Amino acid sequence: MSELNNCLLPDDLLYHVQSNIWLRQHDDQTIEMGMTDIAQTMAGNIIHCRPKALGKMVKAGKSIATVESGKWVGPVRCSVGGEIVAVNEAVAADATLLNKSPYKQGWIIRLMPTDFTADKGELVSGADALAGFKDYMAENELGECIHCEGFDG
């Protein structure tokens, strides 16, 4: 597990820095996606998450969900196109999971990519992810991540 300004970045994930999302590829080739610790901190207390519908085709760069917090409403953009094959109903019912457990219970959707090889060009991991998020945080004048009570990554 890497850490940057108190923000956690698990080493086993891929990241799209500009969209501030993480991706986890499973053995069945599906890809789980969610908001990073940095994104949940920027949003503040998240009060609503509306994932796109099961079976919906999404293109890279388009929204997989709409998230609402006390200070922000906006899309969660994916960097990989494909069909949504699972929606995290727990997050739809309790959006605070995005703050409490962004990498475990707080996944938003799982999709079957149409062409992961072509879409993964902007995805980074390890040292590249740390460097990218360090620059991202500096550009957006972000301080440290703030974790809510009960945070479990």
N, C-alpha and C. Protein backbone atom coordinates (compact mmCIF):
# COMPACT_ATOMS: atom_id res chain seq x y z
N MET A 1 0.85 -1.18 0.00
CA MET A 1 0.00 0.00 0.00
C MET A 1 0.90 1.24 0.00
N SER A 2 0.73 2.08 -0.98
CA SER A 2 1.46 3.33 -1.04
C SER A 2 0.63 4.43 -0.39
N GLU A 3 1.31 5.46 0.06
CA GLU A 3 0.63 6.58 0.70
C GLU A 3 1.22 7.88 0.19
N LEU A 4 0.35 8.84 -0.07
CA LEU A 4 0.75 10.16 -0.55
C LEU A 4 -0.10 11.18 0.17
N ASN A 5 0.52 12.02 1.00
CA ASN A 5 -0.21 13.03 1.78
C ASN A 5 -1.40 12.43 2.54
N ASN A 6 -1.16 11.31 3.19
CA ASN A 6 -2.16 10.60 3.97
C ASN A 6 -3.22 9.93 3.10
N CYS A 7 -3.07 9.96 1.78
CA CYS A 7 -3.99 9.32 0.85
C CYS A 7 -3.45 7.94 0.50
N LEU A 8 -4.30 6.94 0.60
CA LEU A 8 -3.89 5.57 0.32
C LEU A 8 -4.07 5.24 -1.16
N LEU A 9 -3.08 4.55 -1.70
CA LEU A 9 -3.11 4.09 -3.09
C LEU A 9 -2.63 2.64 -3.12
N PRO A 10 -3.56 1.67 -3.06
CA PRO A 10 -3.14 0.27 -3.07
C PRO A 10 -2.29 -0.06 -4.30
N ASP A 11 -1.25 -0.83 -4.07
CA ASP A 11 -0.29 -1.16 -5.13
C ASP A 11 -0.84 -2.10 -6.18
N ASP A 12 -1.90 -2.85 -5.86
CA ASP A 12 -2.43 -3.85 -6.79
C ASP A 12 -3.47 -3.29 -7.76
N LEU A 13 -3.69 -1.99 -7.75
CA LEU A 13 -4.70 -1.38 -8.61
C LEU A 13 -4.07 -0.59 -9.75
N LEU A 14 -4.87 -0.35 -10.78
CA LEU A 14 -4.51 0.58 -11.85
C LEU A 14 -5.27 1.87 -11.59
N TYR A 15 -4.72 2.99 -12.02
CA TYR A 15 -5.33 4.29 -11.77
C TYR A 15 -5.39 5.12 -13.05
N HIS A 16 -6.46 5.90 -13.17
CA HIS A 16 -6.54 6.93 -14.18
C HIS A 16 -6.50 8.24 -13.40
N VAL A 17 -5.37 8.90 -13.44
CA VAL A 17 -5.11 10.05 -12.57
C VAL A 17 -6.10 11.19 -12.83
N GLN A 18 -6.30 11.58 -14.07
CA GLN A 18 -7.15 12.73 -14.35
C GLN A 18 -8.61 12.49 -13.98
N SER A 19 -9.08 11.24 -14.10
CA SER A 19 -10.46 10.90 -13.70
C SER A 19 -10.55 10.59 -12.22
N ASN A 20 -9.38 10.36 -11.60
CA ASN A 20 -9.31 10.08 -10.17
C ASN A 20 -10.08 8.81 -9.81
N ILE A 21 -9.91 7.77 -10.64
CA ILE A 21 -10.55 6.49 -10.39
C ILE A 21 -9.52 5.38 -10.31
N TRP A 22 -9.91 4.27 -9.71
CA TRP A 22 -9.08 3.08 -9.67
C TRP A 22 -9.79 1.96 -10.42
N LEU A 23 -8.99 1.00 -10.88
CA LEU A 23 -9.51 -0.15 -11.60
C LEU A 23 -8.84 -1.41 -11.06
N ARG A 24 -9.63 -2.46 -10.93
CA ARG A 24 -9.11 -3.77 -10.49
C ARG A 24 -9.58 -4.80 -11.51
N GLN A 25 -8.63 -5.44 -12.18
CA GLN A 25 -8.99 -6.46 -13.17
C GLN A 25 -9.10 -7.82 -12.47
N HIS A 26 -10.18 -8.54 -12.78
CA HIS A 26 -10.43 -9.85 -12.20
C HIS A 26 -10.04 -10.95 -13.18
N ASP A 27 -9.93 -12.17 -12.69
CA ASP A 27 -9.54 -13.31 -13.52
C ASP A 27 -10.49 -13.53 -14.70
N ASP A 28 -11.76 -13.18 -14.54
CA ASP A 28 -12.73 -13.35 -15.62
C ASP A 28 -12.69 -12.19 -16.62
N GLN A 29 -11.67 -11.33 -16.51
CA GLN A 29 -11.42 -10.17 -17.39
C GLN A 29 -12.34 -8.98 -17.13
N THR A 30 -13.27 -9.11 -16.17
CA THR A 30 -14.08 -7.95 -15.82
C THR A 30 -13.23 -6.97 -15.02
N ILE A 31 -13.66 -5.72 -15.01
CA ILE A 31 -12.91 -4.67 -14.33
C ILE A 31 -13.84 -3.94 -13.37
N GLU A 32 -13.43 -3.90 -12.11
CA GLU A 32 -14.15 -3.17 -11.07
C GLU A 32 -13.60 -1.75 -11.05
N MET A 33 -14.46 -0.77 -10.80
CA MET A 33 -14.02 0.63 -10.76
C MET A 33 -14.61 1.35 -9.55
N GLY A 34 -13.86 2.33 -9.07
CA GLY A 34 -14.34 3.16 -7.98
C GLY A 34 -13.55 4.45 -7.89
N MET A 35 -13.92 5.27 -6.94
CA MET A 35 -13.24 6.54 -6.70
C MET A 35 -12.02 6.32 -5.81
N THR A 36 -10.97 7.07 -6.06
CA THR A 36 -9.77 6.96 -5.23
C THR A 36 -10.01 7.63 -3.88
N ASP A 37 -9.09 7.36 -2.96
CA ASP A 37 -9.10 8.02 -1.66
C ASP A 37 -9.01 9.54 -1.86
N ILE A 38 -8.23 9.96 -2.83
CA ILE A 38 -8.08 11.39 -3.13
C ILE A 38 -9.43 11.97 -3.58
N ALA A 39 -10.13 11.25 -4.46
CA ALA A 39 -11.42 11.73 -4.97
C ALA A 39 -12.46 11.84 -3.86
N GLN A 40 -12.51 10.83 -2.98
CA GLN A 40 -13.50 10.89 -1.91
C GLN A 40 -13.20 12.02 -0.94
N THR A 41 -11.92 12.33 -0.73
CA THR A 41 -11.56 13.45 0.13
C THR A 41 -11.97 14.78 -0.51
N MET A 42 -11.71 14.91 -1.82
CA MET A 42 -12.08 16.13 -2.53
C MET A 42 -13.59 16.36 -2.48
N ALA A 43 -14.35 15.28 -2.61
CA ALA A 43 -15.82 15.39 -2.63
C ALA A 43 -16.38 15.74 -1.26
N GLY A 44 -15.72 15.31 -0.21
CA GLY A 44 -16.26 15.51 1.14
C GLY A 44 -17.25 14.40 1.46
N ASN A 45 -18.14 14.65 2.39
CA ASN A 45 -19.12 13.63 2.79
C ASN A 45 -20.08 13.34 1.65
N ILE A 46 -19.97 12.14 1.10
CA ILE A 46 -20.79 11.76 -0.04
C ILE A 46 -22.16 11.30 0.46
N ILE A 47 -23.20 11.88 -0.13
CA ILE A 47 -24.55 11.58 0.34
C ILE A 47 -25.38 10.78 -0.67
N HIS A 48 -24.92 10.71 -1.92
CA HIS A 48 -25.69 9.99 -2.93
C HIS A 48 -24.77 9.49 -4.03
N CYS A 49 -25.01 8.27 -4.48
CA CYS A 49 -24.30 7.71 -5.63
C CYS A 49 -25.32 6.99 -6.49
N ARG A 50 -25.39 7.38 -7.75
CA ARG A 50 -26.32 6.75 -8.69
C ARG A 50 -25.51 6.13 -9.83
N PRO A 51 -25.20 4.83 -9.71
CA PRO A 51 -24.47 4.16 -10.79
C PRO A 51 -25.35 4.01 -12.03
N LYS A 52 -24.70 3.90 -13.19
CA LYS A 52 -25.43 3.61 -14.42
C LYS A 52 -26.03 2.22 -14.32
N ALA A 53 -26.99 1.93 -15.16
CA ALA A 53 -27.76 0.69 -15.08
C ALA A 53 -26.97 -0.52 -15.55
N LEU A 54 -27.28 -1.64 -14.95
CA LEU A 54 -26.74 -2.93 -15.34
C LEU A 54 -27.06 -3.17 -16.82
N GLY A 55 -26.08 -3.63 -17.58
CA GLY A 55 -26.27 -3.90 -19.00
C GLY A 55 -25.98 -2.73 -19.91
N LYS A 56 -25.80 -1.54 -19.34
CA LYS A 56 -25.53 -0.34 -20.15
C LYS A 56 -24.12 -0.40 -20.73
N MET A 57 -24.00 -0.01 -21.98
CA MET A 57 -22.69 0.13 -22.62
C MET A 57 -22.18 1.54 -22.35
N VAL A 58 -20.94 1.65 -21.90
CA VAL A 58 -20.33 2.95 -21.66
C VAL A 58 -19.05 3.06 -22.47
N LYS A 59 -18.77 4.25 -22.93
CA LYS A 59 -17.54 4.52 -23.67
C LYS A 59 -16.50 5.09 -22.73
N ALA A 60 -15.24 4.88 -23.05
CA ALA A 60 -14.16 5.46 -22.27
C ALA A 60 -14.35 6.97 -22.21
N GLY A 61 -14.19 7.53 -21.01
CA GLY A 61 -14.35 8.97 -20.81
C GLY A 61 -15.76 9.39 -20.42
N LYS A 62 -16.71 8.47 -20.49
CA LYS A 62 -18.09 8.78 -20.13
C LYS A 62 -18.36 8.40 -18.68
N SER A 63 -19.48 8.82 -18.16
CA SER A 63 -19.84 8.61 -16.77
C SER A 63 -20.32 7.19 -16.49
N ILE A 64 -19.85 6.64 -15.36
CA ILE A 64 -20.36 5.36 -14.87
C ILE A 64 -21.30 5.57 -13.68
N ALA A 65 -21.29 6.79 -13.13
CA ALA A 65 -22.13 7.11 -11.98
C ALA A 65 -22.16 8.62 -11.78
N THR A 66 -23.17 9.06 -11.05
CA THR A 66 -23.24 10.44 -10.59
C THR A 66 -23.13 10.41 -9.07
N VAL A 67 -22.25 11.24 -8.55
CA VAL A 67 -22.01 11.29 -7.11
C VAL A 67 -22.36 12.69 -6.61
N GLU A 68 -22.98 12.72 -5.43
CA GLU A 68 -23.36 14.00 -4.82
C GLU A 68 -22.83 14.05 -3.40
N SER A 69 -22.21 15.17 -3.07
CA SER A 69 -21.77 15.42 -1.70
C SER A 69 -22.32 16.78 -1.30
N GLY A 70 -21.99 17.21 -0.09
CA GLY A 70 -22.43 18.51 0.37
C GLY A 70 -21.87 19.66 -0.43
N LYS A 71 -20.74 19.42 -1.14
CA LYS A 71 -20.11 20.51 -1.88
C LYS A 71 -19.89 20.24 -3.36
N TRP A 72 -20.38 19.09 -3.85
CA TRP A 72 -20.08 18.74 -5.23
C TRP A 72 -21.10 17.75 -5.76
N VAL A 73 -21.50 17.93 -7.02
CA VAL A 73 -22.29 16.94 -7.75
C VAL A 73 -21.60 16.77 -9.09
N GLY A 74 -21.33 15.52 -9.45
CA GLY A 74 -20.66 15.32 -10.72
C GLY A 74 -20.53 13.87 -11.09
N PRO A 75 -19.99 13.67 -12.30
CA PRO A 75 -19.86 12.31 -12.80
C PRO A 75 -18.58 11.63 -12.30
N VAL A 76 -18.66 10.31 -12.24
CA VAL A 76 -17.47 9.48 -12.07
C VAL A 76 -17.21 8.93 -13.47
N ARG A 77 -16.09 9.32 -14.06
CA ARG A 77 -15.81 8.95 -15.45
C ARG A 77 -14.92 7.70 -15.51
N CYS A 78 -15.25 6.85 -16.46
CA CYS A 78 -14.42 5.65 -16.63
C CYS A 78 -13.41 5.88 -17.75
N SER A 79 -12.32 5.16 -17.68
CA SER A 79 -11.30 5.28 -18.72
C SER A 79 -11.33 4.07 -19.65
N VAL A 80 -12.24 3.14 -19.39
CA VAL A 80 -12.32 1.91 -20.16
C VAL A 80 -13.76 1.73 -20.62
N GLY A 81 -13.96 1.49 -21.90
CA GLY A 81 -15.30 1.26 -22.41
C GLY A 81 -15.71 -0.19 -22.26
N GLY A 82 -17.03 -0.41 -22.13
CA GLY A 82 -17.53 -1.77 -22.05
C GLY A 82 -18.95 -1.81 -21.54
N GLU A 83 -19.40 -3.03 -21.21
CA GLU A 83 -20.75 -3.24 -20.71
C GLU A 83 -20.73 -3.40 -19.20
N ILE A 84 -21.60 -2.68 -18.51
CA ILE A 84 -21.71 -2.80 -17.06
C ILE A 84 -22.36 -4.14 -16.74
N VAL A 85 -21.60 -5.00 -16.03
CA VAL A 85 -22.09 -6.35 -15.71
C VAL A 85 -22.44 -6.49 -14.24
N ALA A 86 -22.11 -5.52 -13.41
CA ALA A 86 -22.49 -5.53 -12.00
C ALA A 86 -22.50 -4.10 -11.49
N VAL A 87 -23.45 -3.82 -10.62
CA VAL A 87 -23.58 -2.52 -9.96
C VAL A 87 -23.55 -2.78 -8.46
N ASN A 88 -22.81 -1.98 -7.73
CA ASN A 88 -22.73 -2.16 -6.28
C ASN A 88 -23.96 -1.51 -5.65
N GLU A 89 -24.94 -2.35 -5.38
CA GLU A 89 -26.20 -1.86 -4.79
C GLU A 89 -25.98 -1.32 -3.38
N ALA A 90 -24.97 -1.83 -2.68
CA ALA A 90 -24.67 -1.34 -1.33
C ALA A 90 -24.28 0.14 -1.37
N VAL A 91 -23.50 0.54 -2.38
CA VAL A 91 -23.09 1.94 -2.53
C VAL A 91 -24.28 2.80 -2.95
N ALA A 92 -25.14 2.26 -3.80
CA ALA A 92 -26.34 3.00 -4.20
C ALA A 92 -27.25 3.24 -2.99
N ALA A 93 -27.29 2.28 -2.08
CA ALA A 93 -28.13 2.41 -0.88
C ALA A 93 -27.47 3.25 0.21
N ASP A 94 -26.13 3.21 0.29
CA ASP A 94 -25.39 3.93 1.33
C ASP A 94 -24.11 4.50 0.74
N ALA A 95 -24.22 5.70 0.18
CA ALA A 95 -23.10 6.32 -0.53
C ALA A 95 -21.92 6.63 0.38
N THR A 96 -22.12 6.64 1.71
CA THR A 96 -21.00 6.89 2.61
C THR A 96 -19.93 5.82 2.52
N LEU A 97 -20.25 4.66 1.91
CA LEU A 97 -19.24 3.62 1.70
C LEU A 97 -18.09 4.14 0.83
N LEU A 98 -18.39 5.11 -0.04
CA LEU A 98 -17.33 5.70 -0.87
C LEU A 98 -16.31 6.44 -0.01
N ASN A 99 -16.76 7.03 1.10
CA ASN A 99 -15.85 7.70 2.02
C ASN A 99 -15.18 6.71 2.96
N LYS A 100 -15.93 5.73 3.43
CA LYS A 100 -15.43 4.81 4.45
C LYS A 100 -14.53 3.72 3.89
N SER A 101 -14.80 3.28 2.67
CA SER A 101 -14.11 2.11 2.13
C SER A 101 -13.97 2.22 0.61
N PRO A 102 -13.22 3.22 0.13
CA PRO A 102 -13.18 3.46 -1.31
C PRO A 102 -12.62 2.29 -2.13
N TYR A 103 -11.76 1.46 -1.55
CA TYR A 103 -11.12 0.39 -2.32
C TYR A 103 -11.68 -0.99 -2.03
N LYS A 104 -12.50 -1.13 -1.03
CA LYS A 104 -13.05 -2.45 -0.68
C LYS A 104 -14.54 -2.46 -0.94
N GLN A 105 -15.32 -1.99 0.02
CA GLN A 105 -16.78 -2.00 -0.12
C GLN A 105 -17.29 -0.92 -1.07
N GLY A 106 -16.46 0.08 -1.38
CA GLY A 106 -16.90 1.24 -2.15
C GLY A 106 -16.70 1.15 -3.65
N TRP A 107 -16.55 -0.05 -4.20
CA TRP A 107 -16.51 -0.13 -5.67
C TRP A 107 -17.88 0.30 -6.21
N ILE A 108 -17.90 0.83 -7.42
CA ILE A 108 -19.15 1.37 -7.96
C ILE A 108 -19.76 0.44 -9.00
N ILE A 109 -18.98 0.08 -10.01
CA ILE A 109 -19.49 -0.82 -11.05
C ILE A 109 -18.40 -1.82 -11.43
N ARG A 110 -18.84 -2.88 -12.08
CA ARG A 110 -17.91 -3.83 -12.71
C ARG A 110 -18.35 -3.90 -14.17
N LEU A 111 -17.38 -3.85 -15.08
CA LEU A 111 -17.74 -3.94 -16.48
C LEU A 111 -16.88 -4.96 -17.21
N MET A 112 -17.41 -5.42 -18.34
CA MET A 112 -16.66 -6.27 -19.26
C MET A 112 -16.16 -5.34 -20.36
N PRO A 113 -14.85 -5.11 -20.41
CA PRO A 113 -14.33 -4.15 -21.38
C PRO A 113 -14.47 -4.64 -22.82
N THR A 114 -14.67 -3.68 -23.72
CA THR A 114 -14.74 -4.03 -25.14
C THR A 114 -13.35 -4.19 -25.73
N ASP A 115 -12.40 -3.36 -25.29
CA ASP A 115 -11.02 -3.47 -25.79
C ASP A 115 -10.07 -2.89 -24.75
N PHE A 116 -9.83 -3.66 -23.69
CA PHE A 116 -9.01 -3.19 -22.59
C PHE A 116 -7.60 -2.82 -23.03
N THR A 117 -7.04 -3.57 -23.96
CA THR A 117 -5.68 -3.30 -24.45
C THR A 117 -5.60 -1.90 -25.04
N ALA A 118 -6.59 -1.52 -25.83
CA ALA A 118 -6.58 -0.19 -26.44
C ALA A 118 -6.86 0.92 -25.43
N ASP A 119 -7.73 0.66 -24.45
CA ASP A 119 -8.15 1.69 -23.50
C ASP A 119 -7.17 1.92 -22.36
N LYS A 120 -6.28 0.97 -22.08
CA LYS A 120 -5.46 1.11 -20.87
C LYS A 120 -4.23 1.99 -21.04
N GLY A 121 -4.12 2.71 -22.13
CA GLY A 121 -2.96 3.54 -22.39
C GLY A 121 -2.67 4.60 -21.34
N GLU A 122 -3.71 5.18 -20.72
CA GLU A 122 -3.52 6.24 -19.74
C GLU A 122 -3.54 5.72 -18.30
N LEU A 123 -3.63 4.42 -18.12
CA LEU A 123 -3.66 3.84 -16.78
C LEU A 123 -2.25 3.67 -16.25
N VAL A 124 -2.08 3.92 -14.96
CA VAL A 124 -0.76 3.82 -14.33
C VAL A 124 -0.88 3.04 -13.02
N SER A 125 0.25 2.58 -12.55
CA SER A 125 0.31 1.92 -11.24
C SER A 125 1.66 2.23 -10.63
N GLY A 126 1.85 1.80 -9.39
CA GLY A 126 3.13 1.93 -8.72
C GLY A 126 3.68 3.35 -8.68
N ALA A 127 4.98 3.47 -9.00
CA ALA A 127 5.65 4.77 -8.95
C ALA A 127 5.04 5.78 -9.91
N ASP A 128 4.55 5.31 -11.06
CA ASP A 128 3.92 6.22 -12.03
C ASP A 128 2.63 6.81 -11.46
N ALA A 129 1.87 5.99 -10.73
CA ALA A 129 0.64 6.48 -10.10
C ALA A 129 0.97 7.51 -9.03
N LEU A 130 1.96 7.21 -8.20
CA LEU A 130 2.35 8.16 -7.14
C LEU A 130 2.79 9.49 -7.74
N ALA A 131 3.61 9.45 -8.77
CA ALA A 131 4.08 10.68 -9.42
C ALA A 131 2.91 11.44 -10.04
N GLY A 132 2.02 10.73 -10.70
CA GLY A 132 0.87 11.37 -11.33
C GLY A 132 -0.05 12.03 -10.32
N PHE A 133 -0.33 11.32 -9.22
CA PHE A 133 -1.21 11.90 -8.20
C PHE A 133 -0.51 13.02 -7.42
N LYS A 134 0.79 12.95 -7.28
CA LYS A 134 1.52 14.05 -6.62
C LYS A 134 1.35 15.32 -7.43
N ASP A 135 1.53 15.23 -8.75
CA ASP A 135 1.33 16.38 -9.62
C ASP A 135 -0.13 16.84 -9.60
N TYR A 136 -1.06 15.90 -9.66
CA TYR A 136 -2.49 16.21 -9.65
C TYR A 136 -2.86 16.98 -8.38
N MET A 137 -2.36 16.51 -7.23
CA MET A 137 -2.67 17.16 -5.97
C MET A 137 -2.07 18.56 -5.90
N ALA A 138 -0.87 18.73 -6.44
CA ALA A 138 -0.24 20.04 -6.46
C ALA A 138 -1.01 21.00 -7.37
N GLU A 139 -1.39 20.53 -8.57
CA GLU A 139 -2.15 21.36 -9.51
C GLU A 139 -3.48 21.81 -8.93
N ASN A 140 -4.11 20.94 -8.15
CA ASN A 140 -5.42 21.24 -7.58
C ASN A 140 -5.34 21.77 -6.15
N GLU A 141 -4.12 22.06 -5.71
CA GLU A 141 -3.85 22.63 -4.38
C GLU A 141 -4.53 21.83 -3.28
N LEU A 142 -4.36 20.51 -3.34
CA LEU A 142 -4.94 19.62 -2.34
C LEU A 142 -3.93 19.33 -1.25
N GLY A 143 -4.39 19.33 -0.04
CA GLY A 143 -3.53 18.98 1.09
C GLY A 143 -3.59 17.49 1.34
N GLU A 144 -3.76 17.11 2.58
CA GLU A 144 -3.79 15.70 2.94
C GLU A 144 -5.20 15.14 2.84
N CYS A 145 -5.26 13.83 2.64
CA CYS A 145 -6.55 13.15 2.68
C CYS A 145 -7.04 13.12 4.11
N ILE A 146 -8.33 13.24 4.25
CA ILE A 146 -8.96 13.19 5.56
C ILE A 146 -9.87 11.96 5.56
N HIS A 147 -9.64 11.07 6.49
CA HIS A 147 -10.42 9.85 6.56
C HIS A 147 -11.50 9.95 7.62
N CYS A 148 -12.68 9.50 7.26
CA CYS A 148 -13.80 9.54 8.20
C CYS A 148 -13.66 8.41 9.22
N GLU A 149 -14.42 8.52 10.27
CA GLU A 149 -14.42 7.48 11.31
C GLU A 149 -14.90 6.17 10.69
N GLY A 150 -14.24 5.09 11.00
CA GLY A 150 -14.59 3.80 10.45
C GLY A 150 -13.93 3.51 9.11
N PHE A 151 -13.01 4.36 8.67
CA PHE A 151 -12.34 4.18 7.38
C PHE A 151 -11.57 2.87 7.37
N ASP A 152 -11.78 2.07 6.31
CA ASP A 152 -11.04 0.83 6.17
C ASP A 152 -10.40 0.66 4.80
N GLY A 153 -10.22 1.78 4.12
CA GLY A 153 -9.54 1.72 2.82
C GLY A 153 -10.37 1.22 1.75
